[in-house]
Amino acid sequence: MNNLIATTDGAIGVGTARRRTLPVTLDIRTEHLKTTSTTGTTSAEAGLRITSGRIVVSKLDYRPTTPRTAVPPGNYTAHTYATGFDTISDDRIDGNDTYHVVLWPGPIVEPHVLKRYPHLPIPG
């Protein structure tokens, strides 16, 4: 929970600082861009094996009508980062936090934090 990233076979969970539907940007690349590792207020990386050629970005919604994004099957590295934690209200209802996932063909790496926001507001 404190790292805002978790993995299981075929899935990456990106934690959020608020329990709301929040903006997430998915950026699929053909190669790693080193500039992403210091962007945002918190960032992490993890590996993902995609076998179906499709990924879902969703708040635990896997219905057939949920949009899928086509990607070539294979191993990927995902870099997640979030910004705007300093805009979140004390009751954690309002804020301008945003979440970004960059995905590129790469090794399956264990989830690890690259940069941590010093006062991460964990949802309660």
C-alpha atoms as a PDB file:
ATOM      1  CA  MET A   1       0.000   0.000   0.000  1.00  0.00           C
ATOM      2  CA  ASN A   2       2.769   2.465   0.860  1.00  0.00           C
ATOM      3  CA  ASN A   3       4.435   1.876  -2.504  1.00  0.00           C
ATOM      4  CA  LEU A   4       1.268   2.444  -4.603  1.00  0.00           C
ATOM      5  CA  ILE A   5       2.149  -0.529  -6.826  1.00  0.00           C
ATOM      6  CA  ALA A   6       1.429  -4.244  -6.688  1.00  0.00           C
ATOM      7  CA  THR A   7       1.680  -7.065  -9.180  1.00  0.00           C
ATOM      8  CA  THR A   8       0.246 -10.466  -9.844  1.00  0.00           C
ATOM      9  CA  ASP A   9       0.493 -12.671 -12.904  1.00  0.00           C
ATOM     10  CA  GLY A  10      -0.798 -10.615 -15.836  1.00  0.00           C
ATOM     11  CA  ALA A  11      -1.726  -7.518 -13.819  1.00  0.00           C
ATOM     12  CA  ILE A  12      -0.285  -4.408 -12.220  1.00  0.00           C
ATOM     13  CA  GLY A  13      -2.230  -2.554  -9.564  1.00  0.00           C
ATOM     14  CA  VAL A  14      -1.565   1.166  -9.319  1.00  0.00           C
ATOM     15  CA  GLY A  15      -2.539   2.564  -5.942  1.00  0.00           C
ATOM     16  CA  THR A  16      -4.062   5.996  -5.580  1.00  0.00           C
ATOM     17  CA  ALA A  17      -4.060   8.477  -2.735  1.00  0.00           C
ATOM     18  CA  ARG A  18      -7.840   8.926  -2.886  1.00  0.00           C
ATOM     19  CA  ARG A  19     -10.723   6.454  -3.186  1.00  0.00           C
ATOM     20  CA  ARG A  20     -12.232   8.050  -6.262  1.00  0.00           C
ATOM     21  CA  THR A  21     -12.273   7.570 -10.003  1.00  0.00           C
ATOM     22  CA  LEU A  22      -9.117   9.429 -10.946  1.00  0.00           C
ATOM     23  CA  PRO A  23      -7.372  10.384 -14.186  1.00  0.00           C
ATOM     24  CA  VAL A  24      -4.901   7.785 -15.457  1.00  0.00           C
ATOM     25  CA  THR A  25      -2.837   8.210 -18.602  1.00  0.00           C
ATOM     26  CA  LEU A  26      -1.459   5.115 -20.334  1.00  0.00           C
ATOM     27  CA  ASP A  27       1.620   5.769 -22.471  1.00  0.00           C
ATOM     28  CA  ILE A  28       2.795   2.786 -24.521  1.00  0.00           C
ATOM     29  CA  ARG A  29       6.322   3.150 -25.895  1.00  0.00           C
ATOM     30  CA  THR A  30       8.595   1.069 -28.085  1.00  0.00           C
ATOM     31  CA  GLU A  31      11.590   1.751 -25.838  1.00  0.00           C
ATOM     32  CA  HIS A  32      12.436   3.042 -22.382  1.00  0.00           C
ATOM     33  CA  LEU A  33      12.680   6.806 -21.878  1.00  0.00           C
ATOM     34  CA  LYS A  34      15.035   7.505 -19.003  1.00  0.00           C
ATOM     35  CA  THR A  35      13.419  10.891 -18.311  1.00  0.00           C
ATOM     36  CA  THR A  36      10.373   9.291 -16.641  1.00  0.00           C
ATOM     37  CA  SER A  37      12.234   8.040 -13.556  1.00  0.00           C
ATOM     38  CA  THR A  38      12.302  11.424 -11.807  1.00  0.00           C
ATOM     39  CA  THR A  39       8.972  12.793 -13.016  1.00  0.00           C
ATOM     40  CA  GLY A  40       6.145  13.299 -10.530  1.00  0.00           C
ATOM     41  CA  THR A  41       5.934  13.212  -6.790  1.00  0.00           C
ATOM     42  CA  THR A  42       6.153   9.432  -6.494  1.00  0.00           C
ATOM     43  CA  SER A  43       7.214   6.788  -8.979  1.00  0.00           C
ATOM     44  CA  ALA A  44       7.666   3.035  -9.137  1.00  0.00           C
ATOM     45  CA  GLU A  45       8.424   0.273 -11.621  1.00  0.00           C
ATOM     46  CA  ALA A  46       7.208  -3.286 -12.079  1.00  0.00           C
ATOM     47  CA  GLY A  47       7.159  -5.949 -14.752  1.00  0.00           C
ATOM     48  CA  LEU A  48       4.169  -7.222 -16.693  1.00  0.00           C
ATOM     49  CA  ARG A  49       3.822 -10.232 -18.998  1.00  0.00           C
ATOM     50  CA  ILE A  50       1.142  -9.667 -21.615  1.00  0.00           C
ATOM     51  CA  THR A  51      -0.020 -12.835 -23.338  1.00  0.00           C
ATOM     52  CA  SER A  52      -3.362 -11.761 -24.815  1.00  0.00           C
ATOM     53  CA  GLY A  53      -2.113  -8.759 -26.786  1.00  0.00           C
ATOM     54  CA  ARG A  54      -4.592  -6.537 -24.951  1.00  0.00           C
ATOM     55  CA  ILE A  55      -4.531  -4.585 -21.706  1.00  0.00           C
ATOM     56  CA  VAL A  56      -7.295  -3.062 -19.607  1.00  0.00           C
ATOM     57  CA  VAL A  57      -6.942   0.156 -17.638  1.00  0.00           C
ATOM     58  CA  SER A  58      -9.789   0.077 -15.188  1.00  0.00           C
ATOM     59  CA  LYS A  59     -10.930   0.398 -11.606  1.00  0.00           C
ATOM     60  CA  LEU A  60     -11.424  -3.369 -11.161  1.00  0.00           C
ATOM     61  CA  ASP A  61     -13.836  -3.516 -14.102  1.00  0.00           C
ATOM     62  CA  TYR A  62     -13.186  -6.334 -16.561  1.00  0.00           C
ATOM     63  CA  ARG A  63     -16.554  -6.561 -18.315  1.00  0.00           C
ATOM     64  CA  PRO A  64     -16.456  -7.323 -22.046  1.00  0.00           C
ATOM     65  CA  THR A  65     -17.517  -3.723 -22.734  1.00  0.00           C
ATOM     66  CA  THR A  66     -14.543  -2.249 -20.857  1.00  0.00           C
ATOM     67  CA  PRO A  67     -12.134  -0.819 -23.469  1.00  0.00           C
ATOM     68  CA  ARG A  68      -8.958  -2.752 -24.226  1.00  0.00           C
ATOM     69  CA  THR A  69      -5.706  -1.381 -25.647  1.00  0.00           C
ATOM     70  CA  ALA A  70      -3.875  -3.562 -28.167  1.00  0.00           C
ATOM     71  CA  VAL A  71      -0.178  -4.223 -27.517  1.00  0.00           C
ATOM     72  CA  PRO A  72       2.115  -6.921 -28.896  1.00  0.00           C
ATOM     73  CA  PRO A  73       2.326  -9.902 -26.523  1.00  0.00           C
ATOM     74  CA  GLY A  74       5.542 -10.072 -24.525  1.00  0.00           C
ATOM     75  CA  ASN A  75       7.350  -8.867 -21.424  1.00  0.00           C
ATOM     76  CA  TYR A  76       7.052  -5.231 -20.418  1.00  0.00           C
ATOM     77  CA  THR A  77       8.375  -2.877 -17.814  1.00  0.00           C
ATOM     78  CA  ALA A  78       5.850  -0.425 -16.387  1.00  0.00           C
ATOM     79  CA  HIS A  79       6.856   2.866 -14.840  1.00  0.00           C
ATOM     80  CA  THR A  80       4.123   4.512 -12.797  1.00  0.00           C
ATOM     81  CA  TYR A  81       4.180   8.010 -11.458  1.00  0.00           C
ATOM     82  CA  ALA A  82       1.756  10.308  -9.739  1.00  0.00           C
ATOM     83  CA  THR A  83       1.584  14.038  -9.168  1.00  0.00           C
ATOM     84  CA  GLY A  84      -0.587  16.438  -7.224  1.00  0.00           C
ATOM     85  CA  PHE A  85      -0.511  14.882  -3.762  1.00  0.00           C
ATOM     86  CA  ASP A  86      -0.019  18.348  -2.281  1.00  0.00           C
ATOM     87  CA  THR A  87      -3.465  19.342  -3.661  1.00  0.00           C
ATOM     88  CA  ILE A  88      -5.439  16.655  -1.820  1.00  0.00           C
ATOM     89  CA  SER A  89      -7.841  17.927   0.833  1.00  0.00           C
ATOM     90  CA  ASP A  90      -7.577  16.731   4.441  1.00  0.00           C
ATOM     91  CA  ASP A  91     -10.725  14.609   4.000  1.00  0.00           C
ATOM     92  CA  ARG A  92      -9.157  13.073   0.849  1.00  0.00           C
ATOM     93  CA  ILE A  93     -12.206  13.848  -1.263  1.00  0.00           C
ATOM     94  CA  ASP A  94     -10.932  16.731  -3.386  1.00  0.00           C
ATOM     95  CA  GLY A  95      -7.629  17.121  -5.173  1.00  0.00           C
ATOM     96  CA  ASN A  96      -5.833  17.347  -8.490  1.00  0.00           C
ATOM     97  CA  ASP A  97      -3.743  14.183  -8.232  1.00  0.00           C
ATOM     98  CA  THR A  98      -3.088  12.412 -11.519  1.00  0.00           C
ATOM     99  CA  TYR A  99      -1.565   9.054 -12.407  1.00  0.00           C
ATOM    100  CA  HIS A 100       0.572   8.063 -15.379  1.00  0.00           C
ATOM    101  CA  VAL A 101       1.661   4.602 -16.527  1.00  0.00           C
ATOM    102  CA  VAL A 102       4.450   4.263 -19.098  1.00  0.00           C
ATOM    103  CA  LEU A 103       4.797   0.789 -20.598  1.00  0.00           C
ATOM    104  CA  TRP A 104       7.606  -0.451 -22.853  1.00  0.00           C
ATOM    105  CA  PRO A 105       9.034  -3.828 -23.920  1.00  0.00           C
ATOM    106  CA  GLY A 106      11.490  -4.788 -21.226  1.00  0.00           C
ATOM    107  CA  PRO A 107      12.348  -7.189 -18.458  1.00  0.00           C
ATOM    108  CA  ILE A 108       9.943  -8.425 -15.827  1.00  0.00           C
ATOM    109  CA  VAL A 109      11.202  -6.559 -12.762  1.00  0.00           C
ATOM    110  CA  GLU A 110       9.952  -6.891  -9.214  1.00  0.00           C
ATOM    111  CA  PRO A 111       7.890  -3.915  -8.023  1.00  0.00           C
ATOM    112  CA  HIS A 112      10.134  -1.247  -6.538  1.00  0.00           C
ATOM    113  CA  VAL A 113       9.884   2.426  -5.622  1.00  0.00           C
ATOM    114  CA  LEU A 114      12.057   4.907  -7.527  1.00  0.00           C
ATOM    115  CA  LYS A 115      10.908   8.085  -5.796  1.00  0.00           C
ATOM    116  CA  ARG A 116       8.596   8.475  -2.818  1.00  0.00           C
ATOM    117  CA  TYR A 117       6.523  11.524  -1.923  1.00  0.00           C
ATOM    118  CA  PRO A 118       7.562  12.354   1.668  1.00  0.00           C
ATOM    119  CA  HIS A 119       4.011  12.608   3.088  1.00  0.00           C
ATOM    120  CA  LEU A 120       2.012  10.174   0.983  1.00  0.00           C
ATOM    121  CA  PRO A 121      -1.702  10.416   1.877  1.00  0.00           C
ATOM    122  CA  ILE A 122      -2.737   6.758   1.974  1.00  0.00           C
ATOM    123  CA  PRO A 123      -6.485   6.228   1.500  1.00  0.00           C
ATOM    124  CA  GLY A 124      -8.346   5.387   4.657  1.00  0.00           C
END
